[in-house]
N, C-alpha and C. Protein backbone atom coordinates (compact mmCIF):
# COMPACT_ATOMS: atom_id res chain seq x y z
N MET A 1 0.85 -1.18 0.03
CA MET A 1 -0.02 -0.01 -0.03
C MET A 1 0.89 1.26 -0.04
N GLY A 2 2.14 1.14 0.45
CA GLY A 2 3.02 2.34 0.50
C GLY A 2 3.23 2.89 -0.94
N ALA A 3 3.34 2.00 -1.93
CA ALA A 3 3.58 2.39 -3.32
C ALA A 3 2.40 3.25 -3.76
N LEU A 4 1.19 2.89 -3.46
CA LEU A 4 -0.03 3.72 -3.85
C LEU A 4 0.09 5.07 -3.17
N VAL A 5 0.48 5.17 -1.96
CA VAL A 5 0.56 6.46 -1.23
C VAL A 5 1.65 7.34 -1.95
N ASP A 6 2.79 6.67 -2.28
CA ASP A 6 3.88 7.39 -2.99
C ASP A 6 3.37 7.91 -4.34
N LEU A 7 2.64 7.09 -5.08
CA LEU A 7 2.08 7.48 -6.36
C LEU A 7 1.08 8.68 -6.14
N THR A 8 0.29 8.60 -5.16
CA THR A 8 -0.63 9.71 -4.88
C THR A 8 0.08 11.00 -4.56
N ASN A 9 1.07 10.94 -3.75
CA ASN A 9 1.87 12.11 -3.36
C ASN A 9 2.55 12.72 -4.60
N LEU A 10 3.17 11.87 -5.46
CA LEU A 10 3.84 12.31 -6.68
C LEU A 10 2.87 12.95 -7.60
N THR A 11 1.71 12.33 -7.75
CA THR A 11 0.64 12.87 -8.64
C THR A 11 0.21 14.28 -8.08
N THR A 12 0.01 14.42 -6.92
CA THR A 12 -0.42 15.68 -6.22
C THR A 12 0.65 16.69 -6.52
N LYS A 13 1.92 16.37 -6.44
CA LYS A 13 3.04 17.28 -6.59
C LYS A 13 3.14 17.71 -8.03
N LEU A 14 2.89 16.75 -8.91
CA LEU A 14 2.94 17.08 -10.40
C LEU A 14 1.74 18.05 -10.73
N ILE A 15 0.66 17.74 -10.20
CA ILE A 15 -0.54 18.61 -10.50
C ILE A 15 -0.25 20.08 -10.00
N GLU A 16 0.30 20.25 -8.89
CA GLU A 16 0.58 21.53 -8.38
C GLU A 16 1.67 22.27 -9.19
N SER A 17 2.53 21.49 -9.85
CA SER A 17 3.60 22.11 -10.51
C SER A 17 3.39 22.34 -12.04
N VAL A 18 2.34 21.77 -12.55
CA VAL A 18 2.04 21.83 -14.02
C VAL A 18 1.28 23.06 -14.39
N LYS A 19 1.72 23.65 -15.48
CA LYS A 19 1.05 24.91 -16.01
C LYS A 19 -0.03 24.44 -16.98
N ASP A 20 0.17 23.42 -17.72
CA ASP A 20 -0.78 23.00 -18.78
C ASP A 20 -2.02 22.36 -18.15
N ARG A 21 -3.15 22.88 -18.36
CA ARG A 21 -4.39 22.39 -17.77
C ARG A 21 -4.74 21.01 -18.32
N LYS A 22 -4.48 20.69 -19.52
CA LYS A 22 -4.81 19.44 -20.08
C LYS A 22 -3.98 18.34 -19.34
N PHE A 23 -2.76 18.54 -19.18
CA PHE A 23 -1.91 17.62 -18.46
C PHE A 23 -2.35 17.47 -16.99
N ALA A 24 -2.77 18.53 -16.35
CA ALA A 24 -3.25 18.49 -15.02
C ALA A 24 -4.46 17.61 -14.89
N ALA A 25 -5.37 17.73 -15.90
CA ALA A 25 -6.53 16.92 -15.82
C ALA A 25 -6.24 15.44 -15.91
N ASP A 26 -5.26 15.06 -16.74
CA ASP A 26 -4.86 13.66 -16.85
C ASP A 26 -4.27 13.18 -15.51
N LEU A 27 -3.54 13.99 -14.91
CA LEU A 27 -2.97 13.66 -13.60
C LEU A 27 -4.02 13.53 -12.54
N ARG A 28 -5.06 14.43 -12.61
CA ARG A 28 -6.18 14.23 -11.65
C ARG A 28 -6.88 12.90 -11.85
N GLU A 29 -7.01 12.48 -13.12
CA GLU A 29 -7.65 11.23 -13.43
C GLU A 29 -6.77 10.09 -12.85
N ILE A 30 -5.47 10.17 -12.97
CA ILE A 30 -4.61 9.11 -12.42
C ILE A 30 -4.79 9.14 -10.90
N GLN A 31 -4.86 10.33 -10.28
CA GLN A 31 -5.06 10.40 -8.77
C GLN A 31 -6.39 9.80 -8.38
N ARG A 32 -7.40 9.94 -9.16
CA ARG A 32 -8.76 9.39 -8.92
C ARG A 32 -8.65 7.91 -8.98
N MET A 33 -7.98 7.41 -9.99
CA MET A 33 -7.83 5.93 -10.11
C MET A 33 -7.04 5.32 -8.96
N ILE A 34 -6.02 6.02 -8.50
CA ILE A 34 -5.22 5.53 -7.39
C ILE A 34 -6.05 5.52 -6.08
N ALA A 35 -6.82 6.49 -5.93
CA ALA A 35 -7.80 6.52 -4.79
C ALA A 35 -8.77 5.38 -4.85
N SER A 36 -9.24 5.08 -6.03
CA SER A 36 -10.15 3.93 -6.20
C SER A 36 -9.44 2.67 -5.82
N LEU A 37 -8.19 2.47 -6.29
CA LEU A 37 -7.39 1.26 -6.00
C LEU A 37 -7.20 1.15 -4.47
N GLN A 38 -6.95 2.26 -3.81
CA GLN A 38 -6.72 2.26 -2.36
C GLN A 38 -8.02 1.78 -1.63
N SER A 39 -9.17 2.25 -2.16
CA SER A 39 -10.43 1.84 -1.51
C SER A 39 -10.66 0.38 -1.75
N GLU A 40 -10.44 -0.07 -2.99
CA GLU A 40 -10.59 -1.52 -3.28
C GLU A 40 -9.56 -2.36 -2.44
N HIS A 41 -8.38 -1.88 -2.31
CA HIS A 41 -7.44 -2.67 -1.41
C HIS A 41 -7.95 -2.76 -0.03
N ALA A 42 -8.51 -1.69 0.58
CA ALA A 42 -8.96 -1.68 1.89
C ALA A 42 -10.16 -2.71 2.00
N SER A 43 -10.98 -2.72 1.02
CA SER A 43 -12.13 -3.62 1.07
C SER A 43 -11.72 -5.08 0.93
N ILE A 44 -10.68 -5.36 0.16
CA ILE A 44 -10.21 -6.68 0.04
C ILE A 44 -9.56 -7.14 1.34
N HIS A 45 -8.84 -6.24 1.99
CA HIS A 45 -8.15 -6.55 3.25
C HIS A 45 -9.22 -6.89 4.31
N GLU A 46 -10.30 -6.11 4.31
CA GLU A 46 -11.39 -6.39 5.36
C GLU A 46 -12.02 -7.72 5.03
N SER A 47 -12.26 -8.06 3.71
CA SER A 47 -12.80 -9.30 3.39
C SER A 47 -11.86 -10.54 3.81
N ARG A 48 -10.56 -10.32 3.60
CA ARG A 48 -9.56 -11.27 4.01
C ARG A 48 -9.68 -11.53 5.46
N ILE A 49 -9.72 -10.46 6.29
CA ILE A 49 -9.81 -10.63 7.77
C ILE A 49 -11.07 -11.42 8.11
N ALA A 50 -12.20 -11.07 7.48
CA ALA A 50 -13.44 -11.75 7.82
C ALA A 50 -13.25 -13.25 7.47
N LEU A 51 -12.73 -13.57 6.28
CA LEU A 51 -12.52 -14.95 5.88
C LEU A 51 -11.58 -15.74 6.83
N MET A 52 -10.58 -15.02 7.34
CA MET A 52 -9.59 -15.72 8.22
C MET A 52 -10.30 -15.98 9.53
N THR A 53 -11.18 -15.07 9.99
CA THR A 53 -11.94 -15.30 11.23
C THR A 53 -12.95 -16.50 11.01
N GLU A 54 -13.59 -16.46 9.93
CA GLU A 54 -14.54 -17.58 9.67
C GLU A 54 -13.84 -18.87 9.53
N ASN A 55 -12.66 -18.91 8.88
CA ASN A 55 -11.90 -20.12 8.74
C ASN A 55 -11.46 -20.74 10.16
N ALA A 56 -11.07 -19.77 11.07
CA ALA A 56 -10.66 -20.20 12.43
C ALA A 56 -11.89 -20.82 13.14
N GLU A 57 -13.09 -20.21 12.97
CA GLU A 57 -14.26 -20.69 13.63
C GLU A 57 -14.68 -22.08 13.05
N LEU A 58 -14.52 -22.20 11.80
CA LEU A 58 -14.93 -23.49 11.18
C LEU A 58 -13.92 -24.56 11.58
N LYS A 59 -12.63 -24.27 11.73
CA LYS A 59 -11.72 -25.28 12.21
C LYS A 59 -11.99 -25.66 13.62
N ARG A 60 -12.42 -24.71 14.47
CA ARG A 60 -12.77 -24.99 15.83
C ARG A 60 -14.03 -25.96 15.88
N LYS A 61 -15.01 -25.64 15.04
CA LYS A 61 -16.23 -26.48 15.03
C LYS A 61 -15.91 -27.88 14.50
N LEU A 62 -15.03 -27.97 13.42
CA LEU A 62 -14.61 -29.23 12.96
C LEU A 62 -13.91 -30.06 14.02
N ALA A 63 -13.01 -29.54 14.78
CA ALA A 63 -12.35 -30.23 15.81
C ALA A 63 -13.40 -30.78 16.88
N ALA A 64 -14.36 -29.86 17.20
CA ALA A 64 -15.38 -30.36 18.17
C ALA A 64 -16.21 -31.50 17.60
N LEU A 65 -16.53 -31.44 16.37
CA LEU A 65 -17.35 -32.48 15.65
C LEU A 65 -16.53 -33.80 15.57
N GLU A 66 -15.25 -33.64 15.25
CA GLU A 66 -14.38 -34.83 15.22
C GLU A 66 -14.36 -35.60 16.51
N LEU A 67 -14.29 -34.84 17.60
CA LEU A 67 -14.32 -35.37 18.98
C LEU A 67 -15.63 -36.08 19.21
N ARG A 68 -16.72 -35.50 18.77
CA ARG A 68 -18.07 -36.04 18.99
C ARG A 68 -18.16 -37.35 18.16
N VAL A 69 -17.62 -37.39 17.01
CA VAL A 69 -17.68 -38.58 16.20
C VAL A 69 -16.85 -39.68 16.85
N ALA A 70 -15.66 -39.38 17.27
CA ALA A 70 -14.85 -40.35 17.90
C ALA A 70 -15.46 -40.98 19.21
N ASP A 71 -16.19 -40.07 19.94
CA ASP A 71 -16.86 -40.52 21.06
C ASP A 71 -18.01 -41.41 20.73
N ALA A 72 -18.77 -41.07 19.71
CA ALA A 72 -19.91 -41.87 19.28
C ALA A 72 -19.45 -43.25 18.71
N GLU A 73 -18.38 -43.24 18.01
CA GLU A 73 -17.78 -44.51 17.51
C GLU A 73 -17.29 -45.40 18.70
N LYS A 74 -16.72 -44.80 19.66
CA LYS A 74 -16.29 -45.56 20.84
C LYS A 74 -17.49 -46.18 21.58
N ARG A 75 -18.56 -45.36 21.76
CA ARG A 75 -19.81 -45.94 22.37
C ARG A 75 -20.40 -47.01 21.60
N ALA A 76 -20.48 -46.82 20.25
CA ALA A 76 -21.08 -47.83 19.37
C ALA A 76 -20.27 -49.16 19.45
N SER A 77 -18.90 -48.99 19.51
CA SER A 77 -18.05 -50.21 19.61
C SER A 77 -18.29 -50.89 20.95
N GLN A 78 -18.45 -50.13 22.01
CA GLN A 78 -18.68 -50.73 23.36
C GLN A 78 -20.03 -51.44 23.37
N GLN A 79 -21.07 -50.77 22.81
CA GLN A 79 -22.35 -51.43 22.72
C GLN A 79 -22.36 -52.68 21.96
N GLN A 80 -21.63 -52.70 20.84
CA GLN A 80 -21.51 -53.95 20.05
C GLN A 80 -20.84 -55.00 20.90
N ALA A 81 -19.81 -54.65 21.57
CA ALA A 81 -19.07 -55.65 22.43
C ALA A 81 -20.03 -56.12 23.52
N ASP A 82 -20.81 -55.32 24.10
CA ASP A 82 -21.81 -55.74 25.10
C ASP A 82 -22.81 -56.64 24.51
N LEU A 83 -23.28 -56.37 23.36
CA LEU A 83 -24.31 -57.21 22.70
C LEU A 83 -23.71 -58.55 22.37
N GLU A 84 -22.46 -58.68 22.05
CA GLU A 84 -21.81 -59.97 21.67
C GLU A 84 -21.72 -60.83 22.84
N GLN A 85 -21.84 -60.32 24.15
CA GLN A 85 -21.77 -61.16 25.27
C GLN A 85 -23.09 -61.96 25.44
N PHE A 86 -24.12 -61.55 24.77
CA PHE A 86 -25.43 -62.18 24.94
C PHE A 86 -25.93 -62.91 23.70
N VAL A 87 -26.73 -63.92 23.95
CA VAL A 87 -27.37 -64.66 22.78
C VAL A 87 -28.89 -64.59 23.03
N GLU A 88 -29.61 -64.23 22.00
CA GLU A 88 -31.02 -64.27 22.13
C GLU A 88 -31.66 -65.55 21.85
N HIS A 89 -32.62 -65.99 22.71
CA HIS A 89 -33.34 -67.20 22.47
C HIS A 89 -34.72 -67.09 22.97
N ARG A 90 -35.68 -67.18 22.09
CA ARG A 90 -37.12 -67.06 22.44
C ARG A 90 -37.45 -65.78 23.22
N GLY A 91 -36.85 -64.74 22.78
CA GLY A 91 -37.32 -63.38 23.36
C GLY A 91 -36.56 -63.03 24.64
N ALA A 92 -35.58 -63.82 25.01
CA ALA A 92 -34.78 -63.56 26.23
C ALA A 92 -33.27 -63.60 25.83
N LEU A 93 -32.47 -62.90 26.65
CA LEU A 93 -31.05 -62.84 26.44
C LEU A 93 -30.35 -63.72 27.47
N PHE A 94 -29.39 -64.47 26.97
CA PHE A 94 -28.61 -65.33 27.89
C PHE A 94 -27.13 -64.88 27.67
N LYS A 95 -26.47 -64.69 28.88
CA LYS A 95 -25.10 -64.20 28.92
C LYS A 95 -24.18 -65.43 28.71
N ARG A 96 -23.14 -65.27 27.87
CA ARG A 96 -22.17 -66.35 27.70
C ARG A 96 -21.16 -66.38 28.88
N LYS A 97 -20.77 -67.60 29.18
CA LYS A 97 -19.66 -67.77 30.15
C LYS A 97 -18.42 -67.92 29.35
N PRO A 98 -17.28 -67.60 30.11
CA PRO A 98 -15.99 -67.81 29.45
C PRO A 98 -15.68 -69.16 28.87
N ASP A 99 -16.24 -70.21 29.49
CA ASP A 99 -16.06 -71.56 29.02
C ASP A 99 -16.98 -71.99 27.80
N GLY A 100 -17.83 -70.96 27.31
CA GLY A 100 -18.63 -71.26 26.13
C GLY A 100 -20.05 -71.55 26.57
N GLY A 101 -20.32 -71.87 27.77
CA GLY A 101 -21.74 -72.19 28.17
C GLY A 101 -22.45 -70.91 28.51
N PHE A 102 -23.65 -71.01 29.19
CA PHE A 102 -24.39 -69.80 29.48
C PHE A 102 -24.76 -69.72 30.90
N HIS A 103 -24.85 -68.50 31.47
CA HIS A 103 -25.26 -68.26 32.80
C HIS A 103 -26.72 -68.60 32.92
N GLU A 104 -27.12 -69.03 34.14
CA GLU A 104 -28.55 -69.43 34.28
C GLU A 104 -29.53 -68.25 34.38
N ALA A 105 -28.96 -67.01 34.65
CA ALA A 105 -29.83 -65.82 34.69
C ALA A 105 -30.30 -65.43 33.29
N VAL A 106 -31.52 -64.96 33.28
CA VAL A 106 -32.16 -64.63 32.04
C VAL A 106 -32.28 -63.12 32.03
N TYR A 107 -31.92 -62.43 30.87
CA TYR A 107 -32.05 -61.01 30.74
C TYR A 107 -33.16 -60.61 29.72
N PRO A 108 -34.02 -59.66 30.06
CA PRO A 108 -35.04 -59.35 29.14
C PRO A 108 -34.54 -58.51 28.04
N LEU A 109 -35.18 -58.61 26.84
CA LEU A 109 -34.80 -57.68 25.73
C LEU A 109 -35.36 -56.30 26.01
N VAL A 110 -34.51 -55.42 25.73
CA VAL A 110 -34.83 -53.97 25.87
C VAL A 110 -34.92 -53.34 24.58
N ALA A 111 -36.05 -52.78 24.30
CA ALA A 111 -36.25 -52.20 22.95
C ALA A 111 -35.92 -50.72 22.92
């Protein structure tokens, strides 16, 4: 942005020192264009800041969602392991013993 300021200052200096009105008008047009570029640059800079802020927020949300997914997968895995300990027979659940047999206690199905 320093180059634009330097150009603006140079143009202003040239306008003040020029005797020919036609040339001064051209320099004023250049100065107007430089001012427009400065305005556009400021707008782009503000947009960039907004996008960086939004990007940081989205990264934070993504990290939180990844933690929730990992937790849900862990719970689903645990539930699957719990279900594999039981065998359903005629509407009741029977828990397996380590030796391959079944405990005598009967567990009801929970819907």
